[in-house]
Amino acid sequence: MTGIDDEGLIRRLQASGPVSGLGVDFDAVAAEVGRRRRVRRGALAMGGSALTVLALVVGSQVVSRPSASVIASGDSSGRPGPTRVAASGAVSSARGSAVVQPTTQQQVALDASGCPAAWGAPDVPELPVGFDLADALVPSDIPAAVTICRYAVRALSDGPTPSTVAASGPPYQLTASGRLGGGLERVRDDLRLVRRSAGVIRPCPVAPSASYYVALLDYGSGRHVWVATQDSPCAETTNGTFTSDALVAGVFAQAVSGGSWAGFGAPVSACEPTSLGRLGTDRQLVPGDVTRVTVCRPRVDGGMVPSVVGSAAGAAAIVAALRALTPESLGDCPVTGAGGRREAIYVVVSFAAGPDQVVALDPSLCAPVTTDLLKAADPSGSVRAAVLSALGG
């Protein structure tokens, strides 16, 4: 990514603020930038921020317990790793072109696992080589090998009262890496179904622990693609030419921990209240062929209780009710009444591949049906009625 815009500057300040104790009200800053730039804010993301932080913390702690498939960042042999010339520049605009036109180059030292030994930014080490990916995160080809690299930026200290500890850097040292043992077709399918960044400024709670992830997808014959992201509620995922607002860090964390690709269908939390960024969700409430519907309802203690809709007819009725509505841009979506949140229901729609979609039925929001980007009127309450019927009332 090149240049620094308002949203990127907010993210950089926000990443440093809690660690250095600046005490900046980033939500207020983001709101002002949104007003000036006339950028929509998603109220649903605010409602789910606490669970998002919890999921990120859990995901980060999972990665810290490496399995046999995880390669330690240090090379005990003392042998220097290979280097790769990282190009920063433009890719030819002709579709199908494999020409990379670098403007600057730097030497990136790779360790034995194929990961940069140290990395200092969520950008990619190198633009796609062998592919023009201006319109997708990964190619339609199935990669021959995938390696995922993890770099800790902030962590929780040990002890009875854990506190946030900032890692030394940038550049940050490689803490774990994993070469996937299978499921590479699913990697392709999942990552091709993430949407382009919608340009929405969202409230960004800061997770106590945070990591950068860089994935290397190798296609042979010198062709390869780097994908970079971080585990932040407002993270973006990029290959250097295509940028998505899809939240893929949880999937990367599971892949580093387990050595295989679990996909978006195995989230840390079954009731993640923020959509993960599926392709088409900027236009449709439920795009694609649905394989599972999970309904999440609030507990008295503030948590969420997931219930998978076991009836195919019940799940189909919920999806049909959602697709019968006419969505529009969410825009500024204020909370209209705090009491209605006790009646909130989240519908998590899953697919054979790609990110889940989350639809909120929350009477306290500006519309009876909302996602992170869309809202829809439902004067007859058809969606809520279909959900309650599928769950037996």
Protein backbone atom coordinates (compact mmCIF):
# COMPACT_ATOMS: atom_id res chain seq x y z
CA MET A 1 0.00 0.00 0.00
CA THR A 2 1.30 3.45 -0.80
CA GLY A 3 0.56 6.84 0.65
CA ILE A 4 -0.93 7.73 4.02
CA ASP A 5 -4.62 8.64 4.20
CA ASP A 6 -6.65 9.73 7.21
CA GLU A 7 -7.84 6.22 8.04
CA GLY A 8 -4.34 4.77 7.81
CA LEU A 9 -2.98 7.50 10.06
CA ILE A 10 -5.66 6.75 12.66
CA ARG A 11 -4.70 3.08 12.63
CA ARG A 12 -1.02 3.87 13.14
CA LEU A 13 -1.72 6.26 15.99
CA GLN A 14 -4.17 3.81 17.49
CA ALA A 15 -1.67 0.96 17.39
CA SER A 16 0.84 2.99 19.37
CA GLY A 17 -1.47 4.98 21.66
CA PRO A 18 -2.51 2.35 24.22
CA VAL A 19 1.05 1.08 24.58
CA SER A 20 2.63 4.48 25.04
CA GLY A 21 -0.21 5.83 27.15
CA LEU A 22 -1.18 8.72 24.90
CA GLY A 23 -4.81 8.56 26.00
CA VAL A 24 -6.17 9.65 22.62
CA ASP A 25 -9.90 9.21 22.00
CA PHE A 26 -9.59 7.44 18.66
CA ASP A 27 -13.32 6.85 18.31
CA ALA A 28 -13.84 10.61 18.40
CA VAL A 29 -11.04 11.11 15.88
CA ALA A 30 -12.51 8.48 13.58
CA ALA A 31 -15.97 10.00 13.89
CA GLU A 32 -14.66 13.42 12.90
CA VAL A 33 -12.73 12.01 9.95
CA GLY A 34 -15.84 10.12 8.90
CA ARG A 35 -17.90 13.29 9.05
CA ARG A 36 -15.40 15.19 6.97
CA ARG A 37 -14.91 12.47 4.42
CA ARG A 38 -18.59 11.48 4.41
CA VAL A 39 -17.64 7.88 5.07
CA ARG A 40 -20.22 5.52 6.54
CA ARG A 41 -19.73 4.04 9.98
CA GLY A 42 -21.03 0.59 10.86
CA ALA A 43 -22.91 0.57 14.17
CA LEU A 44 -22.98 -3.23 14.28
CA ALA A 45 -19.21 -3.39 14.68
CA MET A 46 -19.50 -1.18 17.78
CA GLY A 47 -22.09 -3.45 19.35
CA GLY A 48 -19.82 -6.47 18.98
CA SER A 49 -16.49 -4.92 19.89
CA ALA A 50 -16.15 -6.65 23.27
CA LEU A 51 -16.57 -10.13 21.80
CA THR A 52 -14.23 -9.23 18.96
CA VAL A 53 -11.48 -8.31 21.43
CA LEU A 54 -12.08 -11.56 23.34
CA ALA A 55 -11.86 -13.61 20.15
CA LEU A 56 -8.63 -11.90 19.14
CA VAL A 57 -7.04 -12.52 22.54
CA VAL A 58 -8.00 -16.20 22.45
CA GLY A 59 -6.71 -16.56 18.90
CA SER A 60 -3.40 -14.98 19.81
CA GLN A 61 -2.97 -17.27 22.82
CA VAL A 62 -3.67 -20.33 20.65
CA VAL A 63 -0.81 -19.38 18.38
CA SER A 64 1.56 -19.09 21.31
CA ARG A 65 1.29 -22.86 21.93
CA PRO A 66 3.07 -24.26 18.84
CA SER A 67 2.45 -27.80 17.70
CA ALA A 68 4.92 -30.13 16.03
CA SER A 69 4.17 -28.46 12.70
CA VAL A 70 5.33 -25.04 13.91
CA ILE A 71 8.84 -23.98 13.07
CA ALA A 72 10.67 -21.88 15.68
CA SER A 73 11.90 -18.56 14.39
CA GLY A 74 15.49 -19.15 15.47
CA ASP A 75 17.78 -21.29 13.33
CA SER A 76 19.92 -23.35 15.72
CA SER A 77 22.33 -24.23 12.94
CA GLY A 78 23.48 -20.64 12.75
CA ARG A 79 23.27 -20.76 8.95
CA PRO A 80 22.01 -17.53 7.38
CA GLY A 81 18.73 -17.89 5.55
CA PRO A 82 18.16 -16.98 1.91
CA THR A 83 17.25 -13.51 0.76
CA ARG A 84 14.62 -12.35 -1.68
CA VAL A 85 14.49 -9.08 -3.54
CA ALA A 86 11.28 -7.37 -2.49
CA ALA A 87 9.85 -5.15 -5.19
CA SER A 88 7.69 -2.15 -4.36
CA GLY A 89 5.99 -0.79 -7.42
CA ALA A 90 3.19 -1.40 -9.90
CA VAL A 91 1.84 -4.44 -11.68
CA SER A 92 0.97 -4.16 -15.35
CA SER A 93 -2.71 -3.28 -15.74
CA ALA A 94 -3.26 -5.77 -18.57
CA ARG A 95 -5.31 -8.71 -17.27
CA GLY A 96 -3.28 -11.91 -17.18
CA SER A 97 0.02 -10.05 -17.35
CA ALA A 98 2.85 -11.46 -15.28
CA VAL A 99 5.01 -8.35 -15.53
CA VAL A 100 6.07 -6.67 -12.29
CA GLN A 101 7.43 -3.16 -12.65
CA PRO A 102 9.40 -2.44 -9.47
CA THR A 103 10.19 1.12 -8.48
CA THR A 104 12.34 0.30 -5.44
CA GLN A 105 13.97 -2.85 -4.16
CA GLN A 106 15.14 -4.10 -0.78
CA GLN A 107 16.77 -7.28 0.42
CA VAL A 108 14.48 -9.31 2.69
CA ALA A 109 16.25 -11.97 4.73
CA LEU A 110 14.25 -15.21 4.91
CA ASP A 111 14.78 -17.84 7.61
CA ALA A 112 14.74 -21.60 7.07
CA SER A 113 10.94 -21.68 6.99
CA GLY A 114 10.79 -19.18 4.11
CA CYS A 115 9.51 -16.32 6.31
CA PRO A 116 11.13 -12.91 6.68
CA ALA A 117 13.26 -13.18 9.83
CA ALA A 118 11.95 -9.78 10.90
CA TRP A 119 9.18 -7.60 9.54
CA GLY A 120 8.05 -4.13 10.46
CA ALA A 121 4.74 -3.39 8.77
CA PRO A 122 1.46 -5.02 7.77
CA ASP A 123 2.35 -4.48 4.11
CA VAL A 124 3.63 -7.33 1.94
CA PRO A 125 7.35 -8.03 1.46
CA GLU A 126 6.85 -8.17 -2.31
CA LEU A 127 4.16 -7.54 -4.92
CA PRO A 128 2.61 -10.59 -6.67
CA VAL A 129 5.05 -12.28 -9.04
CA GLY A 130 3.50 -13.99 -12.07
CA PHE A 131 -0.04 -12.69 -11.52
CA ASP A 132 -2.06 -9.52 -12.00
CA LEU A 133 -4.17 -9.41 -8.83
CA ALA A 134 -5.73 -5.97 -8.96
CA ASP A 135 -9.19 -7.53 -8.59
CA ALA A 136 -8.62 -10.45 -6.21
CA LEU A 137 -6.55 -11.33 -3.16
CA VAL A 138 -5.18 -14.61 -4.60
CA PRO A 139 -5.07 -16.22 -8.07
CA SER A 140 -7.52 -18.83 -9.34
CA ASP A 141 -4.63 -21.34 -9.37
CA ILE A 142 -4.19 -23.73 -6.44
CA PRO A 143 -0.91 -22.96 -4.66
CA ALA A 144 1.76 -25.66 -4.48
CA ALA A 145 2.75 -24.61 -0.96
CA VAL A 146 1.60 -22.12 1.68
CA THR A 147 3.69 -20.82 4.58
CA ILE A 148 2.26 -18.49 7.24
CA CYS A 149 4.49 -16.31 9.41
CA ARG A 150 3.61 -14.66 12.72
CA TYR A 151 5.18 -11.54 14.30
CA ALA A 152 4.11 -10.45 17.79
CA VAL A 153 3.51 -6.73 18.19
CA ARG A 154 1.83 -6.68 21.59
CA ALA A 155 1.41 -9.52 24.08
CA LEU A 156 -0.07 -10.20 27.51
CA SER A 157 2.49 -10.55 30.29
CA ASP A 158 2.40 -13.53 32.66
CA GLY A 159 1.17 -13.22 36.24
CA PRO A 160 -2.05 -12.84 38.20
CA THR A 161 -2.76 -9.43 36.63
CA PRO A 162 -1.55 -9.63 33.00
CA SER A 163 -0.66 -6.35 31.35
CA THR A 164 0.03 -5.36 27.77
CA VAL A 165 3.68 -5.61 26.77
CA ALA A 166 4.93 -4.11 23.52
CA ALA A 167 7.43 -6.16 21.53
CA SER A 168 10.68 -4.48 20.59
CA GLY A 169 10.52 -3.15 17.07
CA PRO A 170 9.77 -2.47 14.34
CA PRO A 171 11.04 -4.56 12.76
CA TYR A 172 9.37 -7.31 14.77
CA GLN A 173 10.99 -10.71 15.12
CA LEU A 174 9.42 -13.85 13.70
CA THR A 175 7.81 -15.76 16.58
CA ALA A 176 6.27 -18.76 14.77
CA SER A 177 5.69 -20.10 11.29
CA GLY A 178 3.83 -23.01 9.78
CA ARG A 179 3.85 -24.72 6.41
CA LEU A 180 0.39 -26.03 5.63
CA GLY A 181 0.13 -29.78 5.20
CA GLY A 182 -3.03 -29.81 3.11
CA GLY A 183 -6.25 -28.03 2.20
CA LEU A 184 -4.54 -25.77 -0.33
CA GLU A 185 -7.55 -25.79 -2.66
CA ARG A 186 -9.64 -24.52 0.24
CA VAL A 187 -7.07 -21.78 0.87
CA ARG A 188 -7.62 -20.64 -2.71
CA ASP A 189 -11.41 -20.86 -2.44
CA ASP A 190 -11.60 -19.03 0.88
CA LEU A 191 -9.28 -16.16 0.04
CA ARG A 192 -10.85 -15.53 -3.38
CA LEU A 193 -14.18 -14.88 -1.63
CA VAL A 194 -13.12 -11.85 0.39
CA ARG A 195 -14.45 -8.47 -0.65
CA ARG A 196 -12.55 -5.32 -1.56
CA SER A 197 -12.24 -2.81 1.28
CA ALA A 198 -15.43 -0.78 1.48
CA GLY A 199 -13.76 2.36 2.84
CA VAL A 200 -15.79 2.38 6.05
CA ILE A 201 -14.29 3.79 9.23
CA ARG A 202 -15.25 1.45 12.05
CA PRO A 203 -14.83 1.76 15.80
CA CYS A 204 -11.55 0.02 16.59
CA PRO A 205 -11.15 -1.37 20.11
CA VAL A 206 -7.53 -2.29 20.76
CA ALA A 207 -6.89 -5.95 21.57
CA PRO A 208 -4.46 -6.55 24.49
CA SER A 209 -2.40 -8.85 22.28
CA ALA A 210 -1.73 -8.34 18.59
CA SER A 211 0.30 -9.91 15.82
CA TYR A 212 1.18 -9.34 12.19
CA TYR A 213 0.73 -12.25 9.79
CA VAL A 214 2.43 -12.69 6.43
CA ALA A 215 1.52 -15.67 4.23
CA LEU A 216 3.58 -16.85 1.26
CA LEU A 217 1.61 -18.70 -1.43
CA ASP A 218 4.05 -20.44 -3.80
CA TYR A 219 2.81 -21.52 -7.24
CA GLY A 220 6.07 -22.85 -8.65
CA SER A 221 8.14 -21.60 -11.59
CA GLY A 222 9.04 -18.50 -9.60
CA ARG A 223 5.42 -17.40 -9.21
CA HIS A 224 4.32 -16.44 -5.74
CA VAL A 225 2.00 -14.13 -3.80
CA TRP A 226 2.46 -12.62 -0.34
CA VAL A 227 -0.65 -11.83 1.76
CA ALA A 228 -0.35 -9.67 4.88
CA THR A 229 -2.75 -8.79 7.69
CA GLN A 230 -2.94 -8.23 11.46
CA ASP A 231 -5.32 -9.28 14.23
CA SER A 232 -7.11 -5.98 14.75
CA PRO A 233 -10.87 -5.31 14.55
CA CYS A 234 -10.08 -2.80 11.82
CA ALA A 235 -7.35 -4.76 10.04
CA GLU A 236 -7.02 -4.88 6.30
CA THR A 237 -5.64 -7.78 4.28
CA THR A 238 -3.54 -7.06 1.21
CA ASN A 239 -1.43 -8.65 -1.50
CA GLY A 240 0.04 -5.27 -2.38
CA THR A 241 -2.33 -4.57 -5.27
CA PHE A 242 -5.72 -5.70 -3.87
CA THR A 243 -6.81 -4.74 -0.37
CA SER A 244 -9.68 -6.29 1.57
CA ASP A 245 -11.31 -5.39 4.88
CA ALA A 246 -11.87 -9.10 5.52
CA LEU A 247 -10.76 -10.26 8.98
CA VAL A 248 -8.59 -13.28 8.17
CA ALA A 249 -6.13 -13.17 11.07
CA GLY A 250 -8.12 -15.75 13.06
CA VAL A 251 -7.83 -18.25 10.22
CA PHE A 252 -4.09 -17.54 9.90
CA ALA A 253 -3.66 -18.05 13.66
CA GLN A 254 -5.37 -21.45 13.51
CA ALA A 255 -3.26 -22.43 10.50
CA VAL A 256 0.01 -21.59 12.27
CA SER A 257 -1.12 -23.51 15.35
CA GLY A 258 -2.45 -26.63 13.64
CA GLY A 259 -0.43 -26.85 10.44
CA SER A 260 -3.54 -27.04 8.23
CA TRP A 261 -6.16 -24.69 6.89
CA ALA A 262 -9.38 -24.89 8.94
CA GLY A 263 -11.15 -22.22 6.91
CA PHE A 264 -13.60 -19.55 7.95
CA GLY A 265 -16.09 -22.20 9.03
CA ALA A 266 -14.12 -22.84 12.24
CA PRO A 267 -13.97 -19.45 14.00
CA VAL A 268 -12.58 -18.92 17.50
CA SER A 269 -16.06 -17.83 18.58
CA ALA A 270 -19.22 -19.41 17.13
CA CYS A 271 -20.99 -16.07 17.68
CA GLU A 272 -18.65 -13.51 16.20
CA PRO A 273 -20.87 -10.41 16.01
CA THR A 274 -18.98 -8.67 13.20
CA SER A 275 -19.07 -9.83 9.58
CA LEU A 276 -15.74 -11.11 8.31
CA GLY A 277 -15.88 -9.40 4.90
CA ARG A 278 -17.44 -11.76 2.37
CA LEU A 279 -17.50 -10.91 -1.34
CA GLY A 280 -20.88 -9.43 -2.29
CA THR A 281 -21.91 -8.31 1.19
CA ASP A 282 -21.69 -4.68 0.11
CA ARG A 283 -24.77 -5.32 -2.08
CA GLN A 284 -26.63 -8.31 -0.63
CA LEU A 285 -27.58 -9.35 2.88
CA VAL A 286 -26.83 -13.00 2.07
CA PRO A 287 -24.74 -13.67 -1.06
CA GLY A 288 -23.82 -17.20 -2.19
CA ASP A 289 -24.99 -20.73 -1.45
CA VAL A 290 -25.69 -21.16 2.26
CA THR A 291 -24.61 -24.36 4.03
CA ARG A 292 -25.42 -23.55 7.67
CA VAL A 293 -27.35 -21.00 9.72
CA THR A 294 -26.46 -20.33 13.36
CA VAL A 295 -28.58 -18.10 15.59
CA CYS A 296 -26.88 -16.29 18.47
CA ARG A 297 -28.92 -14.88 21.34
CA PRO A 298 -27.61 -12.94 24.37
CA ARG A 299 -27.21 -14.55 27.78
CA VAL A 300 -27.99 -12.79 31.01
CA ASP A 301 -24.26 -12.42 31.71
CA GLY A 302 -23.71 -10.64 28.42
CA GLY A 303 -22.33 -13.56 26.40
CA MET A 304 -23.92 -15.15 23.36
CA VAL A 305 -25.55 -18.57 23.05
CA PRO A 306 -25.19 -20.21 19.61
CA SER A 307 -27.90 -22.49 18.23
CA VAL A 308 -27.34 -24.19 14.87
CA VAL A 309 -30.58 -24.40 12.92
CA GLY A 310 -30.87 -28.16 12.39
CA SER A 311 -33.89 -28.07 10.13
CA ALA A 312 -33.04 -27.50 6.46
CA ALA A 313 -36.49 -26.04 5.93
CA GLY A 314 -36.04 -23.69 8.89
CA ALA A 315 -32.66 -22.48 7.67
CA ALA A 316 -34.03 -21.99 4.14
CA ALA A 317 -36.95 -19.96 5.51
CA ILE A 318 -34.57 -17.61 7.35
CA VAL A 319 -32.42 -17.10 4.25
CA ALA A 320 -35.50 -16.57 2.05
CA ALA A 321 -36.87 -13.96 4.46
CA LEU A 322 -33.55 -12.09 4.39
CA ARG A 323 -33.32 -12.18 0.61
CA ALA A 324 -36.87 -10.86 0.26
CA LEU A 325 -35.82 -7.57 1.88
CA THR A 326 -34.40 -4.61 -0.04
CA PRO A 327 -31.10 -3.50 1.53
CA GLU A 328 -29.56 -0.06 1.35
CA SER A 329 -26.33 1.47 2.53
CA LEU A 330 -26.03 1.46 6.33
CA GLY A 331 -24.77 5.03 6.56
CA ASP A 332 -24.82 6.56 10.01
CA CYS A 333 -26.80 4.06 12.05
CA PRO A 334 -27.44 5.36 15.58
CA VAL A 335 -28.61 3.30 18.52
CA THR A 336 -32.26 4.23 19.04
CA GLY A 337 -32.92 2.58 22.42
CA ALA A 338 -30.72 0.68 24.87
CA GLY A 339 -33.53 -1.57 26.10
CA GLY A 340 -33.92 -3.31 22.76
CA ARG A 341 -30.45 -4.87 22.87
CA ARG A 342 -31.74 -7.54 25.26
CA GLU A 343 -33.88 -8.76 22.35
CA ALA A 344 -31.01 -8.69 19.84
CA ILE A 345 -30.47 -11.78 17.68
CA TYR A 346 -27.47 -12.38 15.43
CA VAL A 347 -27.88 -14.68 12.44
CA VAL A 348 -24.53 -16.17 11.34
CA VAL A 349 -24.75 -17.50 7.80
CA SER A 350 -22.01 -19.93 6.71
CA PHE A 351 -20.95 -21.18 3.27
CA ALA A 352 -18.92 -23.99 1.74
CA ALA A 353 -16.00 -21.58 1.37
CA GLY A 354 -15.19 -18.01 2.26
CA PRO A 355 -16.10 -15.79 5.22
CA ASP A 356 -19.36 -16.06 7.14
CA GLN A 357 -21.94 -13.28 6.99
CA VAL A 358 -23.50 -11.86 10.16
CA VAL A 359 -26.95 -10.24 10.16
CA ALA A 360 -28.21 -8.43 13.26
CA LEU A 361 -31.85 -8.28 14.30
CA ASP A 362 -31.44 -5.60 16.94
CA PRO A 363 -34.38 -3.35 17.90
CA SER A 364 -31.97 -0.81 19.38
CA LEU A 365 -30.36 -0.07 16.01
CA CYS A 366 -31.54 2.25 13.24
CA ALA A 367 -33.16 -0.55 11.22
CA PRO A 368 -34.64 -3.92 12.18
CA VAL A 369 -32.11 -5.76 9.99
CA THR A 370 -28.48 -4.62 9.70
CA THR A 371 -25.07 -5.91 8.66
CA ASP A 372 -21.74 -4.13 8.87
CA LEU A 373 -22.47 -2.36 5.56
CA LEU A 374 -26.24 -2.62 4.89
CA LYS A 375 -29.61 -2.06 6.53
CA ALA A 376 -33.12 -3.13 5.57
CA ALA A 377 -36.65 -2.38 6.69
CA ASP A 378 -38.76 -5.34 7.75
CA PRO A 379 -42.17 -3.89 8.64
CA SER A 380 -43.82 -7.29 9.03
CA GLY A 381 -41.01 -8.72 11.16
CA SER A 382 -40.65 -11.59 8.71
CA VAL A 383 -37.00 -12.39 9.48
CA ARG A 384 -37.43 -12.47 13.26
CA ALA A 385 -40.56 -14.62 12.84
CA ALA A 386 -38.65 -17.06 10.60
CA VAL A 387 -35.81 -17.28 13.16
CA LEU A 388 -38.11 -17.91 16.11
CA SER A 389 -40.09 -20.48 14.12
CA ALA A 390 -36.90 -22.34 13.15
CA LEU A 391 -35.86 -22.46 16.80
CA GLY A 392 -39.25 -23.62 17.96
CA GLY A 393 -40.32 -20.26 19.37
